């Protein structure tokens, strides 16, 4: 395989989970897309990228069980995350932190407002979230918002310095700057449950939780690598981190992602068998949360090839062959 191409690991082949989509997708996607476009916060180029990426289609795969209002709110949130991510991608650490703090301050404080479009978008999302979120899940969600903003700012600082982290340090950062914990934080909102903290303190439950989160992060990184290397943003990607730490090439790194994903899936399946009983009333809610994690894992895989976010118009060919041809560097 030439240096201009690499083969993706066949993650779908080692994923026994069954995917689904949300019946409210068409209506809610159109409304959410119009909502984010109405703010004119993105450049024409970034807006085109957002629309091509079909963020709402990811939400359909990731939350197929969500009722209409909750599903629409999830669409808005993923689009809001895209705005924060795309704006901060072009910023240094200080400015990225300032962008993140607009989002964070609106989520934290009822009357905070700097008059920006981002603040208004965040406030409208927050109002939708509070209509259904329970007190435990909302408190955890705010905590994850804080961790997310800090991680995005640190990512910008590392990018500014050209610093690539170790695998261990990167995994800790990636679990936060990917926003996967925020996305998982919407499960209870969608399901109409509000788990007590004791569930998140259980060793077996958290083994499940981190295995699912890492499967999403590692698969996302290997799928998005070509797009990111063309932008010159390779430092925040496990593929680059593995290449540097282990002194290996692109193909070997891609292969390692596949091996680790399979290990994570095995860990998830085993931990699911070892989940304890919490209580008669709570066990059903925990089971629903675990099922929701499964939908995110398989949904992310299926969406990555169904949309044009990572592979453009080559998405179906790449799904069939798994061969990715590296794009030339983009003009900034």
Protein backbone atom coordinates (compact mmCIF):
# COMPACT_ATOMS: atom_id res chain seq x y z
CA UNK A 1 0.00 0.00 0.00
CA UNK A 2 1.49 3.34 -1.05
CA UNK A 3 1.91 6.24 1.34
CA UNK A 4 -0.87 8.01 -0.57
CA UNK A 5 -3.41 5.43 0.57
CA UNK A 6 -4.27 3.40 3.62
CA UNK A 7 -6.83 0.74 4.50
CA UNK A 8 -9.31 1.31 7.28
CA UNK A 9 -9.88 -1.40 9.88
CA UNK A 10 -13.17 -3.25 9.29
CA UNK A 11 -14.86 -2.11 12.49
CA UNK A 12 -18.35 -3.11 11.36
CA UNK A 13 -17.12 -6.71 11.06
CA UNK A 14 -16.27 -6.86 14.78
CA UNK A 15 -19.37 -4.97 15.93
CA UNK A 16 -22.27 -7.34 16.71
CA UNK A 17 -24.62 -4.48 17.59
CA UNK A 18 -27.76 -3.78 15.56
CA UNK A 19 -28.40 -0.24 14.37
CA UNK A 20 -31.61 1.69 13.82
CA UNK A 21 -32.78 5.17 12.85
CA UNK A 22 -35.28 7.65 14.26
CA UNK A 23 -38.68 8.02 12.53
CA UNK A 24 -38.68 11.77 13.27
CA UNK A 25 -35.47 12.37 11.31
CA UNK A 26 -36.83 14.14 8.21
CA UNK A 27 -38.91 16.79 9.98
CA UNK A 28 -36.54 17.47 12.89
CA UNK A 29 -33.44 17.52 10.67
CA UNK A 30 -34.93 20.17 8.39
CA UNK A 31 -35.97 22.31 11.36
CA UNK A 32 -32.63 22.01 13.15
CA UNK A 33 -30.65 22.72 9.99
CA UNK A 34 -32.72 25.85 9.35
CA UNK A 35 -32.22 26.83 12.99
CA UNK A 36 -28.41 26.76 12.85
CA UNK A 37 -28.33 28.47 9.43
CA UNK A 38 -30.51 31.32 10.70
CA UNK A 39 -27.69 32.59 12.92
CA UNK A 40 -25.17 33.14 10.09
CA UNK A 41 -22.40 32.22 12.53
CA UNK A 42 -20.43 30.03 10.11
CA UNK A 43 -18.53 31.03 6.98
CA UNK A 44 -20.04 29.77 3.70
CA UNK A 45 -17.31 27.13 3.52
CA UNK A 46 -17.90 25.83 7.04
CA UNK A 47 -21.68 25.92 6.57
CA UNK A 48 -21.34 23.83 3.41
CA UNK A 49 -19.22 21.36 5.39
CA UNK A 50 -21.87 21.21 8.12
CA UNK A 51 -24.63 20.48 5.62
CA UNK A 52 -22.54 17.89 3.79
CA UNK A 53 -21.77 16.14 7.06
CA UNK A 54 -25.43 15.45 7.87
CA UNK A 55 -25.10 15.92 11.63
CA UNK A 56 -28.81 15.27 12.08
CA UNK A 57 -28.40 11.89 10.37
CA UNK A 58 -25.85 10.97 13.04
CA UNK A 59 -28.42 11.91 15.69
CA UNK A 60 -30.97 9.67 13.96
CA UNK A 61 -28.59 6.72 14.19
CA UNK A 62 -27.42 7.56 17.73
CA UNK A 63 -30.83 8.26 19.33
CA UNK A 64 -33.31 6.15 17.31
CA UNK A 65 -35.65 5.79 20.32
CA UNK A 66 -35.99 9.51 21.16
CA UNK A 67 -39.46 11.11 20.98
CA UNK A 68 -39.83 14.07 18.62
CA UNK A 69 -39.09 16.97 20.99
CA UNK A 70 -36.10 15.24 22.55
CA UNK A 71 -34.81 14.18 19.13
CA UNK A 72 -35.06 17.73 17.79
CA UNK A 73 -33.17 18.96 20.86
CA UNK A 74 -30.40 16.41 20.24
CA UNK A 75 -30.15 17.61 16.63
CA UNK A 76 -29.80 21.19 17.86
CA UNK A 77 -27.14 20.16 20.35
CA UNK A 78 -24.99 18.30 17.82
CA UNK A 79 -25.25 21.27 15.46
CA UNK A 80 -24.33 23.59 18.35
CA UNK A 81 -21.30 21.42 19.11
CA UNK A 82 -20.29 21.62 15.45
CA UNK A 83 -20.37 25.42 15.64
CA UNK A 84 -18.23 25.48 18.80
CA UNK A 85 -15.82 22.91 17.32
CA UNK A 86 -15.44 24.59 13.94
CA UNK A 87 -14.98 28.06 15.41
CA UNK A 88 -12.41 26.88 17.98
CA UNK A 89 -10.53 24.77 15.39
CA UNK A 90 -9.19 28.00 13.88
CA UNK A 91 -8.40 29.63 17.22
CA UNK A 92 -5.46 29.67 19.61
CA UNK A 93 -5.88 28.36 23.14
CA UNK A 94 -6.91 31.69 24.65
CA UNK A 95 -9.57 32.42 22.02
CA UNK A 96 -10.85 28.84 22.01
CA UNK A 97 -11.34 29.06 25.78
CA UNK A 98 -13.23 32.33 25.33
CA UNK A 99 -15.51 30.72 22.74
CA UNK A 100 -16.12 27.74 25.00
CA UNK A 101 -16.86 29.96 27.97
CA UNK A 102 -19.71 31.64 26.09
CA UNK A 103 -21.34 28.23 25.76
CA UNK A 104 -20.48 27.30 29.33
CA UNK A 105 -21.67 30.55 30.94
CA UNK A 106 -25.06 30.34 29.26
CA UNK A 107 -25.44 26.73 30.41
CA UNK A 108 -24.46 27.67 33.99
CA UNK A 109 -26.16 30.99 34.61
CA UNK A 110 -29.83 31.84 33.90
CA UNK A 111 -29.27 35.49 32.95
CA UNK A 112 -25.79 35.45 31.37
CA UNK A 113 -25.66 37.00 27.90
CA UNK A 114 -22.93 38.68 25.87
CA UNK A 115 -25.26 39.37 22.95
CA UNK A 116 -23.53 36.89 20.65
CA UNK A 117 -25.23 34.47 18.27
CA UNK A 118 -23.50 31.58 20.08
CA UNK A 119 -25.00 32.70 23.39
CA UNK A 120 -28.48 32.84 21.88
CA UNK A 121 -28.11 29.42 20.26
CA UNK A 122 -26.92 27.93 23.54
CA UNK A 123 -29.78 29.52 25.49
CA UNK A 124 -32.39 28.10 23.11
CA UNK A 125 -30.84 24.63 23.40
CA UNK A 126 -30.76 24.96 27.20
CA UNK A 127 -34.47 25.81 27.33
CA UNK A 128 -35.27 22.68 25.34
CA UNK A 129 -33.01 20.56 27.53
CA UNK A 130 -34.51 21.78 30.80
CA UNK A 131 -38.00 20.84 29.62
CA UNK A 132 -37.20 17.15 30.10
CA UNK A 133 -33.87 16.76 31.95
CA UNK A 134 -33.90 15.42 35.51
CA UNK A 135 -31.84 17.11 38.26
CA UNK A 136 -29.17 14.38 38.49
CA UNK A 137 -28.57 14.15 34.76
CA UNK A 138 -28.58 17.95 34.33
CA UNK A 139 -26.02 18.39 37.13
CA UNK A 140 -23.76 15.79 35.49
CA UNK A 141 -24.33 17.42 32.10
CA UNK A 142 -23.10 20.80 33.40
CA UNK A 143 -20.02 19.12 34.87
CA UNK A 144 -19.25 17.54 31.49
CA UNK A 145 -19.79 20.92 29.78
CA UNK A 146 -17.04 22.35 31.98
CA UNK A 147 -14.69 19.45 31.22
CA UNK A 148 -15.45 19.75 27.49
CA UNK A 149 -14.65 23.46 27.30
CA UNK A 150 -11.39 22.99 29.20
CA UNK A 151 -10.37 20.10 26.94
CA UNK A 152 -11.14 22.00 23.72
CA UNK A 153 -9.02 24.91 24.94
CA UNK A 154 -6.15 22.55 25.83
CA UNK A 155 -6.43 20.95 22.39
CA UNK A 156 -6.04 24.40 20.81
CA UNK A 157 -2.99 25.08 22.99
CA UNK A 158 -1.38 21.78 21.93
CA UNK A 159 -2.16 22.56 18.28
CA UNK A 160 -0.60 26.03 18.68
CA UNK A 161 2.61 24.46 20.01
CA UNK A 162 2.58 21.56 17.55
CA UNK A 163 2.57 19.17 20.50
CA UNK A 164 1.41 15.55 20.11
CA UNK A 165 0.49 13.81 23.37
CA UNK A 166 1.29 10.28 24.55
CA UNK A 167 -1.40 7.65 24.02
CA UNK A 168 -2.39 7.69 27.71
CA UNK A 169 -2.56 11.47 27.94
CA UNK A 170 -4.38 11.74 24.63
CA UNK A 171 -7.03 9.21 25.60
CA UNK A 172 -7.85 11.25 28.71
CA UNK A 173 -8.11 14.44 26.64
CA UNK A 174 -10.07 12.78 23.82
CA UNK A 175 -12.75 11.47 26.17
CA UNK A 176 -13.53 15.09 27.00
CA UNK A 177 -12.82 17.15 23.87
CA UNK A 178 -14.77 14.73 21.67
CA UNK A 179 -17.94 15.74 23.58
CA UNK A 180 -18.95 12.08 23.73
CA UNK A 181 -19.70 12.43 27.46
CA UNK A 182 -22.10 15.27 26.64
CA UNK A 183 -23.73 13.14 23.96
CA UNK A 184 -24.07 10.25 26.41
CA UNK A 185 -25.43 12.79 28.88
CA UNK A 186 -28.50 13.19 26.66
CA UNK A 187 -29.54 9.53 27.07
CA UNK A 188 -31.47 10.14 30.26
CA UNK A 189 -33.10 13.25 28.76
CA UNK A 190 -34.30 11.18 25.79
CA UNK A 191 -35.35 8.13 27.82
CA UNK A 192 -37.20 9.99 30.57
CA UNK A 193 -34.95 8.60 33.31
CA UNK A 194 -32.67 10.21 35.89
CA UNK A 195 -30.07 7.80 37.24
CA UNK A 196 -28.62 8.32 40.72
CA UNK A 197 -24.86 8.83 41.05
CA UNK A 198 -24.44 5.35 42.55
CA UNK A 199 -24.80 3.89 39.04
CA UNK A 200 -21.88 5.97 37.75
CA UNK A 201 -19.81 4.88 40.74
CA UNK A 202 -20.17 1.20 39.87
CA UNK A 203 -17.00 -0.38 38.44
CA UNK A 204 -18.75 -2.63 35.91
CA UNK A 205 -21.05 0.11 34.67
CA UNK A 206 -18.13 2.48 34.15
CA UNK A 207 -16.16 -0.23 32.32
CA UNK A 208 -19.11 -0.39 29.92
CA UNK A 209 -19.31 3.39 29.75
CA UNK A 210 -15.64 3.96 28.93
CA UNK A 211 -15.49 1.07 26.45
CA UNK A 212 -18.43 2.57 24.54
CA UNK A 213 -17.01 6.11 24.70
CA UNK A 214 -13.58 4.95 23.51
CA UNK A 215 -15.08 2.92 20.66
CA UNK A 216 -16.76 6.08 19.39
CA UNK A 217 -13.59 8.18 19.78
CA UNK A 218 -11.17 5.70 18.20
CA UNK A 219 -13.45 4.91 15.25
CA UNK A 220 -14.12 8.61 14.72
CA UNK A 221 -10.39 9.33 14.63
CA UNK A 222 -9.47 6.70 12.08
CA UNK A 223 -12.41 7.65 9.86
CA UNK A 224 -11.70 11.38 10.08
CA UNK A 225 -7.91 11.13 9.71
CA UNK A 226 -7.83 11.89 5.98
CA UNK A 227 -10.04 14.95 6.35
CA UNK A 228 -7.99 16.25 9.27
CA UNK A 229 -4.59 15.67 7.68
CA UNK A 230 -5.71 17.70 4.66
CA UNK A 231 -6.54 20.57 7.06
CA UNK A 232 -3.24 20.16 8.89
CA UNK A 233 -5.06 19.21 12.12
CA UNK A 234 -3.58 15.75 12.73
CA UNK A 235 -2.31 16.25 16.29
CA UNK A 236 -5.74 15.67 17.87
CA UNK A 237 -6.13 12.17 16.41
CA UNK A 238 -5.23 8.76 17.85
CA UNK A 239 -3.80 7.71 14.47
CA UNK A 240 -1.09 10.40 14.70
CA UNK A 241 -0.55 9.74 18.41
CA UNK A 242 0.07 6.03 17.77
CA UNK A 243 2.37 6.78 14.83
CA UNK A 244 4.53 9.05 16.98
CA UNK A 245 4.59 7.02 20.20
CA UNK A 246 5.24 3.67 18.53
CA UNK A 247 7.34 4.98 15.61
CA UNK A 248 5.11 3.27 13.05
CA UNK A 249 3.56 4.22 9.74
CA UNK A 250 0.00 5.22 8.87
CA UNK A 251 -1.15 1.73 7.90
CA UNK A 252 0.24 0.11 11.04
CA UNK A 253 -1.46 2.76 13.13
CA UNK A 254 -4.79 2.19 11.38
CA UNK A 255 -4.43 -1.54 12.02
CA UNK A 256 -3.79 -0.90 15.72
CA UNK A 257 -7.00 1.11 15.95
CA UNK A 258 -8.83 -1.94 14.62
CA UNK A 259 -7.21 -4.25 17.16
CA UNK A 260 -8.01 -1.91 20.04
CA UNK A 261 -11.61 -1.42 18.88
CA UNK A 262 -12.11 -5.20 18.90
CA UNK A 263 -10.65 -5.35 22.41
CA UNK A 264 -12.99 -2.59 23.55
CA UNK A 265 -15.99 -4.42 22.09
CA UNK A 266 -15.01 -7.60 23.94
CA UNK A 267 -14.60 -5.58 27.14
CA UNK A 268 -18.05 -4.06 26.64
CA UNK A 269 -19.73 -7.42 26.08
CA UNK A 270 -18.07 -8.97 29.16
CA UNK A 271 -18.80 -6.00 31.43
CA UNK A 272 -22.45 -6.07 30.38
CA UNK A 273 -22.69 -9.65 31.70
CA UNK A 274 -21.22 -8.56 35.04
CA UNK A 275 -23.51 -5.60 35.73
CA UNK A 276 -24.91 -5.88 39.24
CA UNK A 277 -28.55 -5.43 40.19
CA UNK A 278 -29.09 -1.97 41.66
CA UNK A 279 -32.77 -2.28 42.56
CA UNK A 280 -35.95 -3.54 40.93
CA UNK A 281 -36.99 -0.10 39.76
CA UNK A 282 -33.52 1.02 38.74
CA UNK A 283 -32.35 -2.03 36.76
CA UNK A 284 -34.72 -1.30 33.87
CA UNK A 285 -33.46 2.29 33.59
CA UNK A 286 -29.83 1.10 33.65
CA UNK A 287 -30.60 -1.45 30.92
CA UNK A 288 -32.07 1.32 28.77
CA UNK A 289 -28.94 3.44 29.27
CA UNK A 290 -26.71 0.52 28.24
CA UNK A 291 -28.83 -0.02 25.14
CA UNK A 292 -28.50 3.69 24.35
CA UNK A 293 -24.69 3.37 24.49
CA UNK A 294 -24.90 0.50 22.02
CA UNK A 295 -26.93 2.64 19.62
CA UNK A 296 -24.24 5.34 19.73
CA UNK A 297 -21.44 2.88 18.94
CA UNK A 298 -23.09 1.19 15.96
CA UNK A 299 -24.84 4.39 14.89
CA UNK A 300 -21.55 6.27 14.63
CA UNK A 301 -20.06 3.52 12.46
CA UNK A 302 -23.03 3.38 10.10
CA UNK A 303 -23.37 7.16 9.83
CA UNK A 304 -19.67 7.57 9.03
CA UNK A 305 -20.20 5.77 5.72
CA UNK A 306 -23.77 6.89 5.06
CA UNK A 307 -22.91 10.60 5.24
CA UNK A 308 -20.24 12.45 3.25
CA UNK A 309 -18.65 13.96 6.36
CA UNK A 310 -15.38 12.01 6.22
CA UNK A 311 -15.16 10.47 2.76
CA UNK A 312 -17.06 12.94 0.58
CA UNK A 313 -18.66 11.46 -2.51
CA UNK A 314 -16.39 8.41 -2.15
CA UNK A 315 -18.23 7.24 0.98
CA UNK A 316 -19.90 4.18 -0.54
CA UNK A 317 -16.72 3.06 -2.31
CA UNK A 318 -14.72 3.46 0.89
CA UNK A 319 -17.30 1.42 2.82
CA UNK A 320 -16.95 -1.38 0.27
CA UNK A 321 -13.17 -1.36 -0.18
CA UNK A 322 -12.00 0.33 3.07
CA UNK A 323 -9.26 2.00 1.02
CA UNK A 324 -8.80 5.73 1.62
CA UNK A 325 -6.80 7.90 -0.77
CA UNK A 326 -5.19 10.81 1.08
CA UNK A 327 -6.40 14.24 0.05
CA UNK A 328 -3.91 17.02 -0.76
CA UNK A 329 -3.44 19.77 1.80
CA UNK A 330 -6.16 22.40 1.73
CA UNK A 331 -5.43 26.07 1.14
CA UNK A 332 -6.12 28.04 4.32
